[in-house]
């Protein structure tokens, strides 16, 4: 007779989601070719199986991890973000910052072994980094086009326009952007994250997001 406990355990393992987290420094070559790529600031979470996070320092890595995994949350996700909809893009960025942090902060005690001083420091840094990053988004408003501009345009043409708009933005607002990015870098606490422990707690936060997404 089949052992029911053994069978249910095997079934449970098969249902475990695949979560893959890599360093931003290991980004695909096409990402690294982008002149605006910086492994300390770049990250991506297109799906639980495609997550890249900065291996920078604890303050910056945790903050940007929260932001990237926040985009995986289905509730309230904006699906109308585009180069001709600044308001939707800004709203989605804010949703990702705040939503992702709610999931990640639950596991800070596990990473810092309940050191309230370290946890408080990272929490405060997160808020400052989030607010500074939002300033960069607000600066980019001039890069966005009039609503409807991209209607009936194929993806290749959209990518070309996006590239041109980004280049124009960074050439015209580069000084202001660099000042803000330097302020963000000053939020570092100077401690390199323990990458394996960092991945573990981010993975747990992502698992919670997946579970909540499935519950609807």
C-alpha atoms as a PDB file:
ATOM      1  CA  UNK A   1       0.000   0.000   0.000  1.00  0.00           C
ATOM      2  CA  UNK A   2       1.237   3.483  -0.853  1.00  0.00           C
ATOM      3  CA  UNK A   3       2.296   5.505   2.137  1.00  0.00           C
ATOM      4  CA  UNK A   4      -0.175   8.456   2.167  1.00  0.00           C
ATOM      5  CA  UNK A   5       2.229  10.717   4.062  1.00  0.00           C
ATOM      6  CA  UNK A   6       5.045  10.022   1.649  1.00  0.00           C
ATOM      7  CA  UNK A   7       2.782  10.610  -1.324  1.00  0.00           C
ATOM      8  CA  UNK A   8       1.463  13.933  -0.033  1.00  0.00           C
ATOM      9  CA  UNK A   9       5.010  15.076   0.733  1.00  0.00           C
ATOM     10  CA  UNK A  10       6.108  14.322  -2.819  1.00  0.00           C
ATOM     11  CA  UNK A  11       3.072  16.123  -4.201  1.00  0.00           C
ATOM     12  CA  UNK A  12       3.820  19.134  -2.012  1.00  0.00           C
ATOM     13  CA  UNK A  13       7.400  19.291  -3.270  1.00  0.00           C
ATOM     14  CA  UNK A  14       6.198  19.201  -6.875  1.00  0.00           C
ATOM     15  CA  UNK A  15       3.979  22.217  -6.216  1.00  0.00           C
ATOM     16  CA  UNK A  16       6.746  24.335  -4.738  1.00  0.00           C
ATOM     17  CA  UNK A  17       7.294  27.383  -6.966  1.00  0.00           C
ATOM     18  CA  UNK A  18      10.606  27.865  -8.712  1.00  0.00           C
ATOM     19  CA  UNK A  19      12.292  31.046  -7.495  1.00  0.00           C
ATOM     20  CA  UNK A  20      15.560  32.061  -9.121  1.00  0.00           C
ATOM     21  CA  UNK A  21      17.528  35.021  -7.771  1.00  0.00           C
ATOM     22  CA  UNK A  22      20.762  36.141  -9.422  1.00  0.00           C
ATOM     23  CA  UNK A  23      23.157  39.020  -8.878  1.00  0.00           C
ATOM     24  CA  UNK A  24      22.608  42.144 -10.966  1.00  0.00           C
ATOM     25  CA  UNK A  25      26.294  41.921 -11.883  1.00  0.00           C
ATOM     26  CA  UNK A  26      25.386  38.707 -13.751  1.00  0.00           C
ATOM     27  CA  UNK A  27      22.767  40.449 -15.892  1.00  0.00           C
ATOM     28  CA  UNK A  28      22.391  39.385 -19.534  1.00  0.00           C
ATOM     29  CA  UNK A  29      24.812  40.989 -21.969  1.00  0.00           C
ATOM     30  CA  UNK A  30      22.104  43.059 -23.673  1.00  0.00           C
ATOM     31  CA  UNK A  31      21.368  44.713 -20.306  1.00  0.00           C
ATOM     32  CA  UNK A  32      25.037  45.437 -19.632  1.00  0.00           C
ATOM     33  CA  UNK A  33      25.352  47.110 -23.033  1.00  0.00           C
ATOM     34  CA  UNK A  34      22.882  49.759 -21.930  1.00  0.00           C
ATOM     35  CA  UNK A  35      24.911  52.904 -21.083  1.00  0.00           C
ATOM     36  CA  UNK A  36      22.670  53.503 -18.067  1.00  0.00           C
ATOM     37  CA  UNK A  37      23.288  50.070 -16.548  1.00  0.00           C
ATOM     38  CA  UNK A  38      24.718  50.095 -13.022  1.00  0.00           C
ATOM     39  CA  UNK A  39      24.789  46.816 -11.045  1.00  0.00           C
ATOM     40  CA  UNK A  40      24.287  48.760  -7.812  1.00  0.00           C
ATOM     41  CA  UNK A  41      20.959  50.167  -8.990  1.00  0.00           C
ATOM     42  CA  UNK A  42      19.720  47.835 -11.698  1.00  0.00           C
ATOM     43  CA  UNK A  43      17.381  45.014 -10.824  1.00  0.00           C
ATOM     44  CA  UNK A  44      14.594  43.012 -12.397  1.00  0.00           C
ATOM     45  CA  UNK A  45      11.763  40.776 -11.316  1.00  0.00           C
ATOM     46  CA  UNK A  46       9.857  39.856 -14.457  1.00  0.00           C
ATOM     47  CA  UNK A  47       8.752  36.612 -12.807  1.00  0.00           C
ATOM     48  CA  UNK A  48       9.741  34.536  -9.741  1.00  0.00           C
ATOM     49  CA  UNK A  49      12.078  32.598 -12.048  1.00  0.00           C
ATOM     50  CA  UNK A  50      13.736  35.732 -13.425  1.00  0.00           C
ATOM     51  CA  UNK A  51      14.927  37.921 -10.543  1.00  0.00           C
ATOM     52  CA  UNK A  52      18.138  39.971 -10.532  1.00  0.00           C
ATOM     53  CA  UNK A  53      19.103  41.947  -7.426  1.00  0.00           C
ATOM     54  CA  UNK A  54      22.063  44.162  -6.521  1.00  0.00           C
ATOM     55  CA  UNK A  55      24.803  42.603  -4.426  1.00  0.00           C
ATOM     56  CA  UNK A  56      25.745  46.060  -3.187  1.00  0.00           C
ATOM     57  CA  UNK A  57      25.511  46.642   0.534  1.00  0.00           C
ATOM     58  CA  UNK A  58      22.753  45.736   2.959  1.00  0.00           C
ATOM     59  CA  UNK A  59      20.853  49.038   2.928  1.00  0.00           C
ATOM     60  CA  UNK A  60      20.788  49.386  -0.857  1.00  0.00           C
ATOM     61  CA  UNK A  61      20.321  45.686  -1.597  1.00  0.00           C
ATOM     62  CA  UNK A  62      17.336  45.283   0.721  1.00  0.00           C
ATOM     63  CA  UNK A  63      15.650  48.456  -0.507  1.00  0.00           C
ATOM     64  CA  UNK A  64      15.998  47.600  -4.187  1.00  0.00           C
ATOM     65  CA  UNK A  65      15.014  43.973  -3.560  1.00  0.00           C
ATOM     66  CA  UNK A  66      11.781  45.177  -1.982  1.00  0.00           C
ATOM     67  CA  UNK A  67      11.085  47.387  -4.979  1.00  0.00           C
ATOM     68  CA  UNK A  68      11.737  44.710  -7.593  1.00  0.00           C
ATOM     69  CA  UNK A  69       9.704  41.942  -5.945  1.00  0.00           C
ATOM     70  CA  UNK A  70       6.935  44.483  -5.391  1.00  0.00           C
ATOM     71  CA  UNK A  71       6.290  44.365  -9.130  1.00  0.00           C
ATOM     72  CA  UNK A  72       5.360  40.670  -8.728  1.00  0.00           C
ATOM     73  CA  UNK A  73       2.345  41.528  -6.565  1.00  0.00           C
ATOM     74  CA  UNK A  74      -0.804  41.220  -8.657  1.00  0.00           C
ATOM     75  CA  UNK A  75      -3.138  43.218  -6.439  1.00  0.00           C
ATOM     76  CA  UNK A  76      -3.382  46.773  -7.721  1.00  0.00           C
ATOM     77  CA  UNK A  77      -0.868  46.233 -10.533  1.00  0.00           C
ATOM     78  CA  UNK A  78      -1.026  48.858 -13.260  1.00  0.00           C
ATOM     79  CA  UNK A  79      -1.179  47.315 -16.693  1.00  0.00           C
ATOM     80  CA  UNK A  80      -1.292  50.634 -18.551  1.00  0.00           C
ATOM     81  CA  UNK A  81       2.283  51.742 -17.872  1.00  0.00           C
ATOM     82  CA  UNK A  82       4.033  52.980 -20.995  1.00  0.00           C
ATOM     83  CA  UNK A  83       6.152  55.806 -22.333  1.00  0.00           C
ATOM     84  CA  UNK A  84       2.974  57.815 -22.961  1.00  0.00           C
ATOM     85  CA  UNK A  85       1.468  57.336 -19.504  1.00  0.00           C
ATOM     86  CA  UNK A  86       3.632  58.907 -16.805  1.00  0.00           C
ATOM     87  CA  UNK A  87       0.915  58.867 -14.143  1.00  0.00           C
ATOM     88  CA  UNK A  88       0.413  55.107 -14.418  1.00  0.00           C
ATOM     89  CA  UNK A  89       4.164  54.452 -14.411  1.00  0.00           C
ATOM     90  CA  UNK A  90       4.716  56.580 -11.305  1.00  0.00           C
ATOM     91  CA  UNK A  91       1.810  54.898  -9.515  1.00  0.00           C
ATOM     92  CA  UNK A  92       3.191  51.456 -10.345  1.00  0.00           C
ATOM     93  CA  UNK A  93       6.631  52.413  -9.058  1.00  0.00           C
ATOM     94  CA  UNK A  94       5.157  53.569  -5.742  1.00  0.00           C
ATOM     95  CA  UNK A  95       3.035  50.435  -5.479  1.00  0.00           C
ATOM     96  CA  UNK A  96       6.122  48.270  -5.994  1.00  0.00           C
ATOM     97  CA  UNK A  97       8.169  50.114  -3.357  1.00  0.00           C
ATOM     98  CA  UNK A  98       5.506  49.977  -0.673  1.00  0.00           C
ATOM     99  CA  UNK A  99       4.030  46.573  -1.483  1.00  0.00           C
ATOM    100  CA  UNK A 100       7.358  44.785  -1.774  1.00  0.00           C
ATOM    101  CA  UNK A 101       8.590  46.210   1.503  1.00  0.00           C
ATOM    102  CA  UNK A 102       5.545  44.877   3.368  1.00  0.00           C
ATOM    103  CA  UNK A 103       6.538  41.372   2.342  1.00  0.00           C
ATOM    104  CA  UNK A 104      10.288  41.676   2.812  1.00  0.00           C
ATOM    105  CA  UNK A 105      10.364  43.423   6.173  1.00  0.00           C
ATOM    106  CA  UNK A 106       8.684  40.412   7.807  1.00  0.00           C
ATOM    107  CA  UNK A 107      11.953  38.494   7.406  1.00  0.00           C
ATOM    108  CA  UNK A 108      14.461  41.133   8.497  1.00  0.00           C
ATOM    109  CA  UNK A 109      14.454  39.686  12.003  1.00  0.00           C
ATOM    110  CA  UNK A 110      15.546  36.362  10.573  1.00  0.00           C
ATOM    111  CA  UNK A 111      18.427  37.942   8.659  1.00  0.00           C
ATOM    112  CA  UNK A 112      19.577  40.168  11.527  1.00  0.00           C
ATOM    113  CA  UNK A 113      18.706  37.632  14.221  1.00  0.00           C
ATOM    114  CA  UNK A 114      16.261  40.109  15.767  1.00  0.00           C
ATOM    115  CA  UNK A 115      18.845  42.871  16.229  1.00  0.00           C
ATOM    116  CA  UNK A 116      16.428  45.803  16.587  1.00  0.00           C
ATOM    117  CA  UNK A 117      19.177  48.349  15.927  1.00  0.00           C
ATOM    118  CA  UNK A 118      20.151  46.819  12.564  1.00  0.00           C
ATOM    119  CA  UNK A 119      16.533  46.330  11.554  1.00  0.00           C
ATOM    120  CA  UNK A 120      15.647  49.931  12.371  1.00  0.00           C
ATOM    121  CA  UNK A 121      18.650  51.199  10.413  1.00  0.00           C
ATOM    122  CA  UNK A 122      17.660  49.264   7.286  1.00  0.00           C
ATOM    123  CA  UNK A 123      14.024  50.339   7.623  1.00  0.00           C
ATOM    124  CA  UNK A 124      15.006  54.002   7.832  1.00  0.00           C
ATOM    125  CA  UNK A 125      17.398  53.656   4.901  1.00  0.00           C
ATOM    126  CA  UNK A 126      14.650  52.034   2.854  1.00  0.00           C
ATOM    127  CA  UNK A 127      12.345  55.018   3.333  1.00  0.00           C
ATOM    128  CA  UNK A 128      15.030  57.494   2.321  1.00  0.00           C
ATOM    129  CA  UNK A 129      16.109  55.421  -0.706  1.00  0.00           C
ATOM    130  CA  UNK A 130      12.474  55.034  -1.807  1.00  0.00           C
ATOM    131  CA  UNK A 131      11.870  58.773  -1.567  1.00  0.00           C
ATOM    132  CA  UNK A 132      15.075  59.607  -3.449  1.00  0.00           C
ATOM    133  CA  UNK A 133      14.286  57.064  -6.167  1.00  0.00           C
ATOM    134  CA  UNK A 134      10.857  58.655  -6.520  1.00  0.00           C
ATOM    135  CA  UNK A 135      12.577  61.992  -7.133  1.00  0.00           C
ATOM    136  CA  UNK A 136      14.381  60.394 -10.087  1.00  0.00           C
ATOM    137  CA  UNK A 137      11.035  59.159 -11.448  1.00  0.00           C
ATOM    138  CA  UNK A 138       9.564  62.643 -11.083  1.00  0.00           C
ATOM    139  CA  UNK A 139      12.541  64.135 -12.897  1.00  0.00           C
ATOM    140  CA  UNK A 140      11.860  61.791 -15.803  1.00  0.00           C
ATOM    141  CA  UNK A 141       8.348  63.133 -16.420  1.00  0.00           C
ATOM    142  CA  UNK A 142       9.636  65.243 -19.293  1.00  0.00           C
ATOM    143  CA  UNK A 143      10.757  62.058 -21.031  1.00  0.00           C
ATOM    144  CA  UNK A 144       7.159  60.856 -21.372  1.00  0.00           C
ATOM    145  CA  UNK A 145       5.090  61.432 -24.464  1.00  0.00           C
ATOM    146  CA  UNK A 146       1.537  62.659 -24.916  1.00  0.00           C
ATOM    147  CA  UNK A 147      -1.125  60.022 -24.189  1.00  0.00           C
ATOM    148  CA  UNK A 148      -1.913  57.934 -27.240  1.00  0.00           C
ATOM    149  CA  UNK A 149       1.365  58.673 -29.019  1.00  0.00           C
ATOM    150  CA  UNK A 150       2.329  54.998 -29.068  1.00  0.00           C
ATOM    151  CA  UNK A 151      -1.022  53.687 -30.268  1.00  0.00           C
ATOM    152  CA  UNK A 152      -0.754  51.480 -33.381  1.00  0.00           C
ATOM    153  CA  UNK A 153       3.059  51.414 -33.278  1.00  0.00           C
ATOM    154  CA  UNK A 154       4.913  48.092 -33.358  1.00  0.00           C
ATOM    155  CA  UNK A 155       7.240  47.030 -30.533  1.00  0.00           C
ATOM    156  CA  UNK A 156      10.470  47.662 -32.446  1.00  0.00           C
ATOM    157  CA  UNK A 157       9.468  51.273 -33.071  1.00  0.00           C
ATOM    158  CA  UNK A 158       8.401  51.664 -29.424  1.00  0.00           C
ATOM    159  CA  UNK A 159      11.821  50.407 -28.293  1.00  0.00           C
ATOM    160  CA  UNK A 160      13.547  52.874 -30.610  1.00  0.00           C
ATOM    161  CA  UNK A 161      11.478  55.795 -29.307  1.00  0.00           C
ATOM    162  CA  UNK A 162      12.088  54.726 -25.709  1.00  0.00           C
ATOM    163  CA  UNK A 163      15.836  54.606 -26.298  1.00  0.00           C
ATOM    164  CA  UNK A 164      15.804  58.073 -27.840  1.00  0.00           C
ATOM    165  CA  UNK A 165      13.690  59.529 -25.058  1.00  0.00           C
ATOM    166  CA  UNK A 166      15.942  58.043 -22.376  1.00  0.00           C
ATOM    167  CA  UNK A 167      19.060  59.397 -24.030  1.00  0.00           C
ATOM    168  CA  UNK A 168      17.481  62.843 -24.320  1.00  0.00           C
ATOM    169  CA  UNK A 169      16.426  62.740 -20.672  1.00  0.00           C
ATOM    170  CA  UNK A 170      19.816  61.682 -19.336  1.00  0.00           C
ATOM    171  CA  UNK A 171      21.637  64.254 -21.442  1.00  0.00           C
ATOM    172  CA  UNK A 172      19.367  67.067 -20.287  1.00  0.00           C
ATOM    173  CA  UNK A 173      18.829  66.032 -16.659  1.00  0.00           C
ATOM    174  CA  UNK A 174      21.977  64.002 -16.038  1.00  0.00           C
ATOM    175  CA  UNK A 175      23.429  66.410 -13.486  1.00  0.00           C
ATOM    176  CA  UNK A 176      20.301  66.381 -11.318  1.00  0.00           C
ATOM    177  CA  UNK A 177      19.961  62.621 -11.674  1.00  0.00           C
ATOM    178  CA  UNK A 178      23.579  61.992 -10.681  1.00  0.00           C
ATOM    179  CA  UNK A 179      23.161  64.173  -7.581  1.00  0.00           C
ATOM    180  CA  UNK A 180      20.197  62.074  -6.451  1.00  0.00           C
ATOM    181  CA  UNK A 181      21.987  58.803  -7.219  1.00  0.00           C
ATOM    182  CA  UNK A 182      24.950  59.965  -5.133  1.00  0.00           C
ATOM    183  CA  UNK A 183      22.555  60.705  -2.272  1.00  0.00           C
ATOM    184  CA  UNK A 184      21.189  57.180  -2.590  1.00  0.00           C
ATOM    185  CA  UNK A 185      24.707  55.740  -2.460  1.00  0.00           C
ATOM    186  CA  UNK A 186      25.323  57.691   0.752  1.00  0.00           C
ATOM    187  CA  UNK A 187      22.580  55.580   2.347  1.00  0.00           C
ATOM    188  CA  UNK A 188      24.906  52.575   2.288  1.00  0.00           C
ATOM    189  CA  UNK A 189      25.748  51.139   5.675  1.00  0.00           C
ATOM    190  CA  UNK A 190      29.055  49.792   4.407  1.00  0.00           C
ATOM    191  CA  UNK A 191      28.177  46.157   5.124  1.00  0.00           C
ATOM    192  CA  UNK A 192      28.175  43.665   2.260  1.00  0.00           C
ATOM    193  CA  UNK A 193      25.133  41.365   2.469  1.00  0.00           C
ATOM    194  CA  UNK A 194      25.525  37.690   3.146  1.00  0.00           C
ATOM    195  CA  UNK A 195      24.316  36.743  -0.310  1.00  0.00           C
ATOM    196  CA  UNK A 196      22.994  33.277   0.531  1.00  0.00           C
ATOM    197  CA  UNK A 197      21.052  34.496   3.582  1.00  0.00           C
ATOM    198  CA  UNK A 198      19.865  37.509   1.606  1.00  0.00           C
ATOM    199  CA  UNK A 199      18.590  35.247  -1.190  1.00  0.00           C
ATOM    200  CA  UNK A 200      16.869  33.021   1.343  1.00  0.00           C
ATOM    201  CA  UNK A 201      14.773  35.727   2.948  1.00  0.00           C
ATOM    202  CA  UNK A 202      13.979  37.410  -0.374  1.00  0.00           C
ATOM    203  CA  UNK A 203      12.890  33.999  -1.629  1.00  0.00           C
ATOM    204  CA  UNK A 204      10.566  33.605   1.355  1.00  0.00           C
ATOM    205  CA  UNK A 205       9.023  37.009   0.642  1.00  0.00           C
ATOM    206  CA  UNK A 206       8.525  36.040  -3.013  1.00  0.00           C
ATOM    207  CA  UNK A 207       6.916  32.765  -1.941  1.00  0.00           C
ATOM    208  CA  UNK A 208       4.440  34.751   0.191  1.00  0.00           C
ATOM    209  CA  UNK A 209       3.666  36.966  -2.793  1.00  0.00           C
ATOM    210  CA  UNK A 210       3.051  33.919  -4.985  1.00  0.00           C
ATOM    211  CA  UNK A 211       0.730  32.407  -2.366  1.00  0.00           C
ATOM    212  CA  UNK A 212      -1.238  35.643  -2.032  1.00  0.00           C
ATOM    213  CA  UNK A 213      -1.456  36.013  -5.809  1.00  0.00           C
ATOM    214  CA  UNK A 214      -2.920  32.525  -6.092  1.00  0.00           C
ATOM    215  CA  UNK A 215      -5.457  33.269  -3.379  1.00  0.00           C
ATOM    216  CA  UNK A 216      -6.563  36.230  -5.413  1.00  0.00           C
END
